Amino acid sequence: MAESIRIEARPGAPLDRAADSLAVLQAVADPVRWTVLDRLADGTHCVCDLQAHVPVAANLLSYHLKVLRDAGLVTTARRGRWVDYTLAADARDRLVAALPGALRSFAGAVT
């Protein structure tokens, strides 16, 4: 797993935005998390559905889902004993905003 980098800054400061961008990019830099995001692009899934497509232990999948949730890329909804995961409404915008300048322009043009 990648090392976590902590950047301290005032809210709204450029370093604060950089820290947010770094958190989003670190979240998608893992192949398991990328696969989860790809599955969630098709719609809402519970952990048991995701488990069938992601070859990791249940506790490790839960960890990866927490990282994606902490990065603001997925949301959860409780349904009885089950927890459903969905791409956050602003996930695409957060990913594009996390990219460096030139890449952001390119990604914004691709829809």
N, C-alpha and C. Protein backbone atom coordinates (compact mmCIF):
# COMPACT_ATOMS: atom_id res chain seq x y z
N MET A 1 0.83 -1.18 0.00
CA MET A 1 0.00 0.00 0.00
C MET A 1 0.88 1.25 0.00
N ALA A 2 0.38 2.28 -0.63
CA ALA A 2 1.15 3.51 -0.75
C ALA A 2 1.24 4.22 0.60
N GLU A 3 2.34 4.94 0.76
CA GLU A 3 2.51 5.73 1.98
C GLU A 3 1.54 6.89 1.97
N SER A 4 1.05 7.23 3.12
CA SER A 4 0.15 8.36 3.25
C SER A 4 0.97 9.62 3.50
N ILE A 5 0.62 10.69 2.81
CA ILE A 5 1.32 11.96 2.97
C ILE A 5 0.34 12.94 3.60
N ARG A 6 0.74 13.57 4.69
CA ARG A 6 -0.12 14.53 5.37
C ARG A 6 0.42 15.93 5.13
N ILE A 7 -0.46 16.79 4.63
CA ILE A 7 -0.11 18.18 4.40
C ILE A 7 -1.03 19.03 5.27
N GLU A 8 -0.45 19.86 6.11
CA GLU A 8 -1.22 20.74 6.99
C GLU A 8 -1.36 22.11 6.31
N ALA A 9 -2.57 22.65 6.31
CA ALA A 9 -2.78 23.96 5.70
C ALA A 9 -4.04 24.60 6.27
N ARG A 10 -4.19 25.90 6.02
CA ARG A 10 -5.41 26.60 6.40
C ARG A 10 -6.52 26.17 5.45
N PRO A 11 -7.77 26.08 5.94
CA PRO A 11 -8.89 25.73 5.07
C PRO A 11 -8.99 26.68 3.89
N GLY A 12 -9.14 26.13 2.69
CA GLY A 12 -9.26 26.94 1.49
C GLY A 12 -7.94 27.37 0.89
N ALA A 13 -6.83 27.13 1.58
CA ALA A 13 -5.52 27.52 1.06
C ALA A 13 -5.11 26.58 -0.06
N PRO A 14 -4.17 27.02 -0.93
CA PRO A 14 -3.70 26.15 -2.01
C PRO A 14 -3.21 24.79 -1.52
N LEU A 15 -2.53 24.75 -0.37
CA LEU A 15 -2.06 23.47 0.14
C LEU A 15 -3.22 22.58 0.56
N ASP A 16 -4.31 23.19 1.01
CA ASP A 16 -5.50 22.42 1.37
C ASP A 16 -6.08 21.74 0.13
N ARG A 17 -6.15 22.48 -0.97
CA ARG A 17 -6.63 21.91 -2.23
C ARG A 17 -5.67 20.84 -2.72
N ALA A 18 -4.38 21.06 -2.55
CA ALA A 18 -3.38 20.07 -2.96
C ALA A 18 -3.53 18.80 -2.14
N ALA A 19 -3.79 18.93 -0.85
CA ALA A 19 -3.97 17.76 0.00
C ALA A 19 -5.20 16.97 -0.42
N ASP A 20 -6.28 17.68 -0.77
CA ASP A 20 -7.49 17.01 -1.23
C ASP A 20 -7.24 16.28 -2.55
N SER A 21 -6.53 16.94 -3.46
CA SER A 21 -6.20 16.30 -4.74
C SER A 21 -5.34 15.07 -4.53
N LEU A 22 -4.37 15.18 -3.65
CA LEU A 22 -3.49 14.05 -3.36
C LEU A 22 -4.28 12.88 -2.78
N ALA A 23 -5.22 13.15 -1.89
CA ALA A 23 -6.04 12.09 -1.30
C ALA A 23 -6.86 11.37 -2.36
N VAL A 24 -7.43 12.12 -3.29
CA VAL A 24 -8.23 11.52 -4.36
C VAL A 24 -7.35 10.67 -5.27
N LEU A 25 -6.20 11.20 -5.66
CA LEU A 25 -5.31 10.46 -6.55
C LEU A 25 -4.75 9.22 -5.87
N GLN A 26 -4.43 9.31 -4.58
CA GLN A 26 -3.96 8.12 -3.86
C GLN A 26 -5.06 7.07 -3.78
N ALA A 27 -6.29 7.51 -3.64
CA ALA A 27 -7.40 6.57 -3.54
C ALA A 27 -7.58 5.77 -4.82
N VAL A 28 -7.39 6.40 -5.97
CA VAL A 28 -7.61 5.69 -7.24
C VAL A 28 -6.35 5.01 -7.76
N ALA A 29 -5.22 5.21 -7.08
CA ALA A 29 -3.95 4.65 -7.55
C ALA A 29 -3.82 3.15 -7.28
N ASP A 30 -4.74 2.57 -6.53
CA ASP A 30 -4.68 1.15 -6.20
C ASP A 30 -5.56 0.36 -7.17
N PRO A 31 -5.05 -0.75 -7.72
CA PRO A 31 -5.84 -1.54 -8.69
C PRO A 31 -7.16 -2.07 -8.12
N VAL A 32 -7.18 -2.43 -6.86
CA VAL A 32 -8.43 -2.92 -6.25
C VAL A 32 -9.45 -1.79 -6.21
N ARG A 33 -9.04 -0.62 -5.77
CA ARG A 33 -9.97 0.51 -5.68
C ARG A 33 -10.42 0.96 -7.06
N TRP A 34 -9.54 0.90 -8.03
CA TRP A 34 -9.90 1.26 -9.40
C TRP A 34 -10.97 0.29 -9.92
N THR A 35 -10.80 -1.00 -9.63
CA THR A 35 -11.78 -2.01 -10.04
C THR A 35 -13.13 -1.76 -9.37
N VAL A 36 -13.10 -1.41 -8.09
CA VAL A 36 -14.34 -1.10 -7.37
C VAL A 36 -15.04 0.09 -8.03
N LEU A 37 -14.30 1.15 -8.33
CA LEU A 37 -14.90 2.32 -8.98
C LEU A 37 -15.49 1.94 -10.34
N ASP A 38 -14.79 1.09 -11.07
CA ASP A 38 -15.28 0.65 -12.38
C ASP A 38 -16.61 -0.10 -12.23
N ARG A 39 -16.71 -0.95 -11.23
CA ARG A 39 -17.97 -1.69 -10.98
C ARG A 39 -19.08 -0.72 -10.56
N LEU A 40 -18.75 0.24 -9.71
CA LEU A 40 -19.76 1.18 -9.24
C LEU A 40 -20.22 2.13 -10.34
N ALA A 41 -19.43 2.28 -11.39
CA ALA A 41 -19.85 3.10 -12.52
C ALA A 41 -21.10 2.51 -13.19
N ASP A 42 -21.32 1.20 -12.99
CA ASP A 42 -22.51 0.53 -13.53
C ASP A 42 -23.73 0.70 -12.64
N GLY A 43 -23.54 1.20 -11.43
CA GLY A 43 -24.66 1.39 -10.52
C GLY A 43 -24.31 0.98 -9.10
N THR A 44 -25.30 0.97 -8.25
CA THR A 44 -25.14 0.65 -6.84
C THR A 44 -24.89 -0.84 -6.64
N HIS A 45 -23.97 -1.14 -5.72
CA HIS A 45 -23.66 -2.54 -5.39
C HIS A 45 -23.45 -2.67 -3.89
N CYS A 46 -23.86 -3.83 -3.35
CA CYS A 46 -23.53 -4.14 -1.96
C CYS A 46 -22.15 -4.80 -1.95
N VAL A 47 -21.58 -4.93 -0.77
CA VAL A 47 -20.24 -5.51 -0.64
C VAL A 47 -20.21 -6.92 -1.23
N CYS A 48 -21.27 -7.69 -1.00
CA CYS A 48 -21.28 -9.07 -1.51
C CYS A 48 -21.21 -9.10 -3.04
N ASP A 49 -21.85 -8.13 -3.72
CA ASP A 49 -21.75 -8.05 -5.18
C ASP A 49 -20.33 -7.69 -5.60
N LEU A 50 -19.74 -6.73 -4.91
CA LEU A 50 -18.38 -6.30 -5.25
C LEU A 50 -17.38 -7.42 -5.01
N GLN A 51 -17.60 -8.20 -3.96
CA GLN A 51 -16.69 -9.29 -3.60
C GLN A 51 -16.52 -10.28 -4.75
N ALA A 52 -17.58 -10.49 -5.51
CA ALA A 52 -17.52 -11.43 -6.63
C ALA A 52 -16.60 -10.95 -7.75
N HIS A 53 -16.33 -9.65 -7.80
CA HIS A 53 -15.52 -9.08 -8.88
C HIS A 53 -14.15 -8.59 -8.44
N VAL A 54 -13.93 -8.57 -7.14
CA VAL A 54 -12.66 -8.09 -6.60
C VAL A 54 -12.04 -9.20 -5.77
N PRO A 55 -10.95 -9.80 -6.23
CA PRO A 55 -10.38 -10.98 -5.57
C PRO A 55 -9.55 -10.67 -4.32
N VAL A 56 -10.19 -10.09 -3.31
CA VAL A 56 -9.51 -9.83 -2.04
C VAL A 56 -10.42 -10.29 -0.91
N ALA A 57 -9.84 -10.49 0.25
CA ALA A 57 -10.62 -10.89 1.43
C ALA A 57 -11.62 -9.79 1.79
N ALA A 58 -12.71 -10.18 2.44
CA ALA A 58 -13.78 -9.24 2.79
C ALA A 58 -13.28 -8.07 3.62
N ASN A 59 -12.39 -8.35 4.59
CA ASN A 59 -11.90 -7.25 5.43
C ASN A 59 -11.04 -6.28 4.62
N LEU A 60 -10.30 -6.78 3.65
CA LEU A 60 -9.48 -5.90 2.81
C LEU A 60 -10.37 -5.08 1.87
N LEU A 61 -11.42 -5.69 1.35
CA LEU A 61 -12.36 -4.95 0.51
C LEU A 61 -13.01 -3.82 1.32
N SER A 62 -13.37 -4.11 2.56
CA SER A 62 -13.95 -3.07 3.42
C SER A 62 -12.97 -1.92 3.63
N TYR A 63 -11.69 -2.24 3.80
CA TYR A 63 -10.66 -1.20 3.94
C TYR A 63 -10.62 -0.32 2.68
N HIS A 64 -10.60 -0.96 1.51
CA HIS A 64 -10.53 -0.20 0.25
C HIS A 64 -11.78 0.67 0.07
N LEU A 65 -12.93 0.16 0.45
CA LEU A 65 -14.16 0.96 0.36
C LEU A 65 -14.10 2.15 1.31
N LYS A 66 -13.50 1.97 2.47
CA LYS A 66 -13.34 3.08 3.42
C LYS A 66 -12.44 4.17 2.83
N VAL A 67 -11.35 3.76 2.18
CA VAL A 67 -10.45 4.74 1.55
C VAL A 67 -11.21 5.54 0.49
N LEU A 68 -12.00 4.86 -0.32
CA LEU A 68 -12.78 5.55 -1.36
C LEU A 68 -13.83 6.47 -0.74
N ARG A 69 -14.43 6.03 0.35
CA ARG A 69 -15.42 6.85 1.06
C ARG A 69 -14.75 8.08 1.66
N ASP A 70 -13.60 7.89 2.30
CA ASP A 70 -12.87 9.01 2.91
C ASP A 70 -12.42 10.03 1.86
N ALA A 71 -12.15 9.56 0.64
CA ALA A 71 -11.74 10.46 -0.44
C ALA A 71 -12.94 11.13 -1.09
N GLY A 72 -14.15 10.78 -0.65
CA GLY A 72 -15.35 11.40 -1.19
C GLY A 72 -15.77 10.86 -2.54
N LEU A 73 -15.28 9.68 -2.91
CA LEU A 73 -15.59 9.13 -4.23
C LEU A 73 -16.78 8.18 -4.22
N VAL A 74 -17.12 7.62 -3.07
CA VAL A 74 -18.29 6.74 -2.97
C VAL A 74 -19.14 7.16 -1.78
N THR A 75 -20.41 6.83 -1.85
CA THR A 75 -21.33 7.07 -0.75
C THR A 75 -21.97 5.74 -0.36
N THR A 76 -22.53 5.70 0.83
CA THR A 76 -23.15 4.47 1.32
C THR A 76 -24.60 4.73 1.72
N ALA A 77 -25.37 3.66 1.67
CA ALA A 77 -26.76 3.69 2.15
C ALA A 77 -27.03 2.35 2.81
N ARG A 78 -27.53 2.39 4.02
CA ARG A 78 -27.83 1.15 4.75
C ARG A 78 -29.19 0.63 4.32
N ARG A 79 -29.24 -0.68 4.07
CA ARG A 79 -30.47 -1.36 3.68
C ARG A 79 -30.58 -2.61 4.55
N GLY A 80 -31.18 -2.45 5.73
CA GLY A 80 -31.22 -3.56 6.69
C GLY A 80 -29.81 -3.90 7.15
N ARG A 81 -29.41 -5.15 6.95
CA ARG A 81 -28.05 -5.58 7.31
C ARG A 81 -27.03 -5.20 6.26
N TRP A 82 -27.48 -4.82 5.09
CA TRP A 82 -26.60 -4.57 3.96
C TRP A 82 -26.21 -3.10 3.87
N VAL A 83 -25.05 -2.87 3.30
CA VAL A 83 -24.61 -1.50 3.00
C VAL A 83 -24.39 -1.44 1.50
N ASP A 84 -25.10 -0.54 0.84
CA ASP A 84 -24.96 -0.35 -0.60
C ASP A 84 -23.98 0.78 -0.86
N TYR A 85 -23.13 0.58 -1.87
CA TYR A 85 -22.15 1.58 -2.26
C TYR A 85 -22.50 2.13 -3.63
N THR A 86 -22.34 3.44 -3.78
CA THR A 86 -22.65 4.14 -5.03
C THR A 86 -21.54 5.16 -5.28
N LEU A 87 -21.24 5.41 -6.55
CA LEU A 87 -20.32 6.50 -6.86
C LEU A 87 -20.92 7.80 -6.35
N ALA A 88 -20.12 8.62 -5.74
CA ALA A 88 -20.60 9.93 -5.29
C ALA A 88 -21.01 10.75 -6.51
N ALA A 89 -22.02 11.58 -6.34
CA ALA A 89 -22.52 12.39 -7.44
C ALA A 89 -21.43 13.25 -8.07
N ASP A 90 -20.48 13.69 -7.26
CA ASP A 90 -19.41 14.55 -7.76
C ASP A 90 -18.09 13.81 -7.95
N ALA A 91 -18.11 12.48 -8.03
CA ALA A 91 -16.87 11.70 -8.14
C ALA A 91 -16.07 12.09 -9.38
N ARG A 92 -16.74 12.22 -10.53
CA ARG A 92 -16.03 12.59 -11.76
C ARG A 92 -15.40 13.98 -11.61
N ASP A 93 -16.15 14.92 -11.07
CA ASP A 93 -15.63 16.28 -10.88
C ASP A 93 -14.44 16.28 -9.93
N ARG A 94 -14.51 15.48 -8.87
CA ARG A 94 -13.40 15.41 -7.90
C ARG A 94 -12.16 14.81 -8.56
N LEU A 95 -12.35 13.80 -9.41
CA LEU A 95 -11.21 13.19 -10.10
C LEU A 95 -10.58 14.19 -11.08
N VAL A 96 -11.40 14.86 -11.86
CA VAL A 96 -10.88 15.84 -12.82
C VAL A 96 -10.18 16.98 -12.08
N ALA A 97 -10.77 17.47 -11.00
CA ALA A 97 -10.18 18.57 -10.23
C ALA A 97 -8.85 18.18 -9.60
N ALA A 98 -8.65 16.88 -9.34
CA ALA A 98 -7.41 16.42 -8.71
C ALA A 98 -6.25 16.36 -9.69
N LEU A 99 -6.55 16.37 -10.99
CA LEU A 99 -5.49 16.27 -11.98
C LEU A 99 -4.72 17.58 -12.10
N PRO A 100 -3.42 17.49 -12.41
CA PRO A 100 -2.65 18.71 -12.66
C PRO A 100 -3.21 19.45 -13.88
N GLY A 101 -2.95 20.74 -13.96
CA GLY A 101 -3.49 21.65 -14.96
C GLY A 101 -3.73 21.13 -16.36
N ALA A 102 -2.68 20.73 -17.08
CA ALA A 102 -2.82 20.30 -18.47
C ALA A 102 -3.71 19.06 -18.58
N LEU A 103 -3.55 18.13 -17.66
CA LEU A 103 -4.39 16.93 -17.68
C LEU A 103 -5.84 17.26 -17.38
N ARG A 104 -6.06 18.23 -16.50
CA ARG A 104 -7.42 18.65 -16.15
C ARG A 104 -8.13 19.18 -17.39
N SER A 105 -7.42 19.98 -18.20
CA SER A 105 -8.01 20.52 -19.43
C SER A 105 -8.39 19.39 -20.38
N PHE A 106 -7.51 18.41 -20.51
CA PHE A 106 -7.77 17.27 -21.39
C PHE A 106 -8.94 16.45 -20.87
N ALA A 107 -8.96 16.14 -19.58
CA ALA A 107 -10.02 15.31 -19.00
C ALA A 107 -11.37 16.02 -19.07
N GLY A 108 -11.36 17.34 -18.93
CA GLY A 108 -12.60 18.09 -19.02
C GLY A 108 -13.19 18.06 -20.42
N ALA A 109 -12.33 17.90 -21.44
CA ALA A 109 -12.79 17.85 -22.82
C ALA A 109 -13.33 16.48 -23.19
N VAL A 110 -12.93 15.44 -22.46
CA VAL A 110 -13.36 14.07 -22.74
C VAL A 110 -14.62 13.79 -21.94
N THR A 111 -15.71 13.49 -22.61
CA THR A 111 -16.95 13.16 -21.90
C THR A 111 -17.56 11.90 -22.43
